[in-house]
Amino acid sequence: MTITVETFTVPEGYKSFANNSYHHHYDLLGRGFNQNKDESVKLVVQDLRELMAA
């Protein structure tokens, strides 16, 4: 499984979105927002993993 993360710079910091290549979860989209880019990426991956586990 591959997780793809896209991060965008917004006035408030960084906004990230993530999806994965697993065919049963292709429609899930994780979201993360933080003033720190690395933290935004961590949050988005965590959000996606929680969605996949639900």
PDB file of N, CA and C in Angstrom:
ATOM      1  N   MET A   1       0.836  -1.171   0.000  1.00  0.00           N
ATOM      2  CA  MET A   1       0.000   0.000   0.000  1.00  0.00           C
ATOM      3  C   MET A   1       0.881   1.235   0.000  1.00  0.00           C
ATOM      4  N   THR A   2       0.498   2.203  -0.789  1.00  0.00           N
ATOM      5  CA  THR A   2       1.203   3.476  -0.873  1.00  0.00           C
ATOM      6  C   THR A   2       0.284   4.594  -0.409  1.00  0.00           C
ATOM      7  N   ILE A   3       0.786   5.446   0.478  1.00  0.00           N
ATOM      8  CA  ILE A   3       0.034   6.621   0.914  1.00  0.00           C
ATOM      9  C   ILE A   3       0.614   7.828   0.186  1.00  0.00           C
ATOM     10  N   THR A   4      -0.265   8.571  -0.496  1.00  0.00           N
ATOM     11  CA  THR A   4       0.140   9.772  -1.224  1.00  0.00           C
ATOM     12  C   THR A   4      -0.330  10.987  -0.439  1.00  0.00           C
ATOM     13  N   VAL A   5       0.605  11.901  -0.157  1.00  0.00           N
ATOM     14  CA  VAL A   5       0.298  13.111   0.611  1.00  0.00           C
ATOM     15  C   VAL A   5       0.552  14.326  -0.274  1.00  0.00           C
ATOM     16  N   GLU A   6      -0.418  15.225  -0.297  1.00  0.00           N
ATOM     17  CA  GLU A   6      -0.260  16.508  -0.973  1.00  0.00           C
ATOM     18  C   GLU A   6      -0.380  17.596   0.082  1.00  0.00           C
ATOM     19  N   THR A   7       0.584  18.509   0.094  1.00  0.00           N
ATOM     20  CA  THR A   7       0.607  19.579   1.081  1.00  0.00           C
ATOM     21  C   THR A   7       0.569  20.923   0.367  1.00  0.00           C
ATOM     22  N   PHE A   8      -0.285  21.803   0.855  1.00  0.00           N
ATOM     23  CA  PHE A   8      -0.456  23.123   0.278  1.00  0.00           C
ATOM     24  C   PHE A   8      -0.169  24.185   1.333  1.00  0.00           C
ATOM     25  N   THR A   9       0.472  25.260   0.905  1.00  0.00           N
ATOM     26  CA  THR A   9       0.706  26.397   1.784  1.00  0.00           C
ATOM     27  C   THR A   9      -0.534  27.292   1.743  1.00  0.00           C
ATOM     28  N   VAL A  10      -1.058  27.584   2.909  1.00  0.00           N
ATOM     29  CA  VAL A  10      -2.200  28.490   3.052  1.00  0.00           C
ATOM     30  C   VAL A  10      -1.783  29.596   4.019  1.00  0.00           C
ATOM     31  N   PRO A  11      -2.504  30.718   4.048  1.00  0.00           N
ATOM     32  CA  PRO A  11      -2.104  31.824   4.931  1.00  0.00           C
ATOM     33  C   PRO A  11      -1.926  31.412   6.401  1.00  0.00           C
ATOM     34  N   GLU A  12      -2.685  30.415   6.858  1.00  0.00           N
ATOM     35  CA  GLU A  12      -2.626  30.004   8.266  1.00  0.00           C
ATOM     36  C   GLU A  12      -1.552  28.953   8.539  1.00  0.00           C
ATOM     37  N   GLY A  13      -0.895  28.433   7.502  1.00  0.00           N
ATOM     38  CA  GLY A  13       0.118  27.395   7.703  1.00  0.00           C
ATOM     39  C   GLY A  13       0.137  26.428   6.538  1.00  0.00           C
ATOM     40  N   TYR A  14      -0.072  25.137   6.831  1.00  0.00           N
ATOM     41  CA  TYR A  14      -0.035  24.090   5.810  1.00  0.00           C
ATOM     42  C   TYR A  14      -1.272  23.213   5.913  1.00  0.00           C
ATOM     43  N   LYS A  15      -1.832  22.902   4.762  1.00  0.00           N
ATOM     44  CA  LYS A  15      -2.998  22.025   4.693  1.00  0.00           C
ATOM     45  C   LYS A  15      -2.578  20.811   3.871  1.00  0.00           C
ATOM     46  N   SER A  16      -2.822  19.616   4.418  1.00  0.00           N
ATOM     47  CA  SER A  16      -2.418  18.388   3.746  1.00  0.00           C
ATOM     48  C   SER A  16      -3.602  17.457   3.533  1.00  0.00           C
ATOM     49  N   PHE A  17      -3.531  16.709   2.439  1.00  0.00           N
ATOM     50  CA  PHE A  17      -4.530  15.703   2.119  1.00  0.00           C
ATOM     51  C   PHE A  17      -3.792  14.415   1.775  1.00  0.00           C
ATOM     52  N   ALA A  18      -4.388  13.270   2.141  1.00  0.00           N
ATOM     53  CA  ALA A  18      -3.741  11.991   1.871  1.00  0.00           C
ATOM     54  C   ALA A  18      -4.766  10.966   1.405  1.00  0.00           C
ATOM     55  N   ASN A  19      -4.339  10.124   0.480  1.00  0.00           N
ATOM     56  CA  ASN A  19      -5.136   8.963   0.090  1.00  0.00           C
ATOM     57  C   ASN A  19      -4.171   7.800  -0.080  1.00  0.00           C
ATOM     58  N   ASN A  20      -4.715   6.616  -0.331  1.00  0.00           N
ATOM     59  CA  ASN A  20      -3.839   5.460  -0.456  1.00  0.00           C
ATOM     60  C   ASN A  20      -4.211   4.628  -1.662  1.00  0.00           C
ATOM     61  N   SER A  21      -3.366   3.662  -1.982  1.00  0.00           N
ATOM     62  CA  SER A  21      -3.536   2.842  -3.169  1.00  0.00           C
ATOM     63  C   SER A  21      -4.330   1.569  -2.910  1.00  0.00           C
ATOM     64  N   TYR A  22      -4.712   1.316  -1.672  1.00  0.00           N
ATOM     65  CA  TYR A  22      -5.434   0.085  -1.342  1.00  0.00           C
ATOM     66  C   TYR A  22      -6.841   0.162  -1.921  1.00  0.00           C
ATOM     67  N   HIS A  23      -7.221  -0.795  -2.751  1.00  0.00           N
ATOM     68  CA  HIS A  23      -8.467  -0.688  -3.512  1.00  0.00           C
ATOM     69  C   HIS A  23      -9.728  -0.667  -2.640  1.00  0.00           C
ATOM     70  N   HIS A  24      -9.687  -1.169  -1.418  1.00  0.00           N
ATOM     71  CA  HIS A  24     -10.860  -1.118  -0.545  1.00  0.00           C
ATOM     72  C   HIS A  24     -11.023   0.240   0.136  1.00  0.00           C
ATOM     73  N   HIS A  25      -9.971   1.058   0.100  1.00  0.00           N
ATOM     74  CA  HIS A  25     -10.008   2.362   0.766  1.00  0.00           C
ATOM     75  C   HIS A  25      -9.711   3.504  -0.191  1.00  0.00           C
ATOM     76  N   TYR A  26      -9.895   3.300  -1.480  1.00  0.00           N
ATOM     77  CA  TYR A  26      -9.526   4.321  -2.456  1.00  0.00           C
ATOM     78  C   TYR A  26     -10.323   5.617  -2.308  1.00  0.00           C
ATOM     79  N   ASP A  27     -11.515   5.546  -1.710  1.00  0.00           N
ATOM     80  CA  ASP A  27     -12.356   6.732  -1.585  1.00  0.00           C
ATOM     81  C   ASP A  27     -12.132   7.507  -0.287  1.00  0.00           C
ATOM     82  N   LEU A  28     -11.239   7.036   0.578  1.00  0.00           N
ATOM     83  CA  LEU A  28     -10.962   7.732   1.835  1.00  0.00           C
ATOM     84  C   LEU A  28      -9.965   8.856   1.596  1.00  0.00           C
ATOM     85  N   LEU A  29     -10.180   9.984   2.261  1.00  0.00           N
ATOM     86  CA  LEU A  29      -9.284  11.124   2.133  1.00  0.00           C
ATOM     87  C   LEU A  29      -8.971  11.673   3.519  1.00  0.00           C
ATOM     88  N   GLY A  30      -7.723  11.549   3.928  1.00  0.00           N
ATOM     89  CA  GLY A  30      -7.297  12.110   5.205  1.00  0.00           C
ATOM     90  C   GLY A  30      -7.025  13.597   5.064  1.00  0.00           C
ATOM     91  N   ARG A  31      -7.205  14.318   6.156  1.00  0.00           N
ATOM     92  CA  ARG A  31      -6.989  15.764   6.155  1.00  0.00           C
ATOM     93  C   ARG A  31      -6.165  16.168   7.366  1.00  0.00           C
ATOM     94  N   GLY A  32      -5.259  17.123   7.170  1.00  0.00           N
ATOM     95  CA  GLY A  32      -4.463  17.636   8.278  1.00  0.00           C
ATOM     96  C   GLY A  32      -4.144  19.100   8.069  1.00  0.00           C
ATOM     97  N   PHE A  33      -4.123  19.850   9.153  1.00  0.00           N
ATOM     98  CA  PHE A  33      -3.798  21.269   9.086  1.00  0.00           C
ATOM     99  C   PHE A  33      -2.958  21.648  10.288  1.00  0.00           C
ATOM    100  N   ASN A  34      -1.871  22.375  10.041  1.00  0.00           N
ATOM    101  CA  ASN A  34      -1.023  22.831  11.130  1.00  0.00           C
ATOM    102  C   ASN A  34      -0.147  23.962  10.621  1.00  0.00           C
ATOM    103  N   GLN A  35       0.380  24.764  11.530  1.00  0.00           N
ATOM    104  CA  GLN A  35       1.306  25.827  11.145  1.00  0.00           C
ATOM    105  C   GLN A  35       2.674  25.261  10.762  1.00  0.00           C
ATOM    106  N   ASN A  36       2.961  24.043  11.192  1.00  0.00           N
ATOM    107  CA  ASN A  36       4.225  23.374  10.888  1.00  0.00           C
ATOM    108  C   ASN A  36       3.980  22.331   9.800  1.00  0.00           C
ATOM    109  N   LYS A  37       4.777  22.358   8.739  1.00  0.00           N
ATOM    110  CA  LYS A  37       4.575  21.448   7.602  1.00  0.00           C
ATOM    111  C   LYS A  37       4.713  19.982   8.012  1.00  0.00           C
ATOM    112  N   ASP A  38       5.751  19.635   8.782  1.00  0.00           N
ATOM    113  CA  ASP A  38       5.954  18.239   9.201  1.00  0.00           C
ATOM    114  C   ASP A  38       4.799  17.744  10.060  1.00  0.00           C
ATOM    115  N   GLU A  39       4.297  18.592  10.937  1.00  0.00           N
ATOM    116  CA  GLU A  39       3.175  18.211  11.793  1.00  0.00           C
ATOM    117  C   GLU A  39       1.906  18.028  10.966  1.00  0.00           C
ATOM    118  N   SER A  40       1.730  18.847   9.946  1.00  0.00           N
ATOM    119  CA  SER A  40       0.576  18.706   9.062  1.00  0.00           C
ATOM    120  C   SER A  40       0.596  17.343   8.372  1.00  0.00           C
ATOM    121  N   VAL A  41       1.768  16.919   7.927  1.00  0.00           N
ATOM    122  CA  VAL A  41       1.904  15.613   7.277  1.00  0.00           C
ATOM    123  C   VAL A  41       1.629  14.487   8.277  1.00  0.00           C
ATOM    124  N   LYS A  42       2.151  14.593   9.485  1.00  0.00           N
ATOM    125  CA  LYS A  42       1.885  13.573  10.509  1.00  0.00           C
ATOM    126  C   LYS A  42       0.393  13.460  10.797  1.00  0.00           C
ATOM    127  N   LEU A  43      -0.280  14.606  10.910  1.00  0.00           N
ATOM    128  CA  LEU A  43      -1.707  14.608  11.212  1.00  0.00           C
ATOM    129  C   LEU A  43      -2.524  13.984  10.090  1.00  0.00           C
ATOM    130  N   VAL A  44      -2.170  14.271   8.852  1.00  0.00           N
ATOM    131  CA  VAL A  44      -2.938  13.739   7.737  1.00  0.00           C
ATOM    132  C   VAL A  44      -2.774  12.228   7.616  1.00  0.00           C
ATOM    133  N   VAL A  45      -1.581  11.717   7.848  1.00  0.00           N
ATOM    134  CA  VAL A  45      -1.369  10.266   7.798  1.00  0.00           C
ATOM    135  C   VAL A  45      -2.115   9.594   8.952  1.00  0.00           C
ATOM    136  N   GLN A  46      -2.075  10.191  10.121  1.00  0.00           N
ATOM    137  CA  GLN A  46      -2.809   9.655  11.267  1.00  0.00           C
ATOM    138  C   GLN A  46      -4.310   9.636  10.983  1.00  0.00           C
ATOM    139  N   ASP A  47      -4.831  10.715  10.396  1.00  0.00           N
ATOM    140  CA  ASP A  47      -6.254  10.783  10.079  1.00  0.00           C
ATOM    141  C   ASP A  47      -6.639   9.697   9.076  1.00  0.00           C
ATOM    142  N   LEU A  48      -5.831   9.499   8.049  1.00  0.00           N
ATOM    143  CA  LEU A  48      -6.117   8.471   7.054  1.00  0.00           C
ATOM    144  C   LEU A  48      -6.093   7.076   7.676  1.00  0.00           C
ATOM    145  N   ARG A  49      -5.124   6.812   8.527  1.00  0.00           N
ATOM    146  CA  ARG A  49      -5.056   5.491   9.187  1.00  0.00           C
ATOM    147  C   ARG A  49      -6.266   5.250  10.072  1.00  0.00           C
ATOM    148  N   GLU A  50      -6.740   6.279  10.755  1.00  0.00           N
ATOM    149  CA  GLU A  50      -7.949   6.134  11.585  1.00  0.00           C
ATOM    150  C   GLU A  50      -9.171   5.849  10.718  1.00  0.00           C
ATOM    151  N   LEU A  51      -9.269   6.513   9.581  1.00  0.00           N
ATOM    152  CA  LEU A  51     -10.380   6.251   8.670  1.00  0.00           C
ATOM    153  C   LEU A  51     -10.336   4.810   8.144  1.00  0.00           C
ATOM    154  N   MET A  52      -9.154   4.341   7.849  1.00  0.00           N
ATOM    155  CA  MET A  52      -9.002   2.977   7.328  1.00  0.00           C
ATOM    156  C   MET A  52      -9.353   1.939   8.382  1.00  0.00           C
ATOM    157  N   ALA A  53      -9.093   2.244   9.641  1.00  0.00           N
ATOM    158  CA  ALA A  53      -9.354   1.296  10.727  1.00  0.00           C
ATOM    159  C   ALA A  53     -10.836   1.245  11.103  1.00  0.00           C
ATOM    160  N   ALA A  54     -11.574   2.281  10.754  1.00  0.00           N
ATOM    161  CA  ALA A  54     -13.006   2.363  11.131  1.00  0.00           C
ATOM    162  C   ALA A  54     -13.854   1.391  10.341  1.00  0.00           C
TER     163      ALA A  54
END
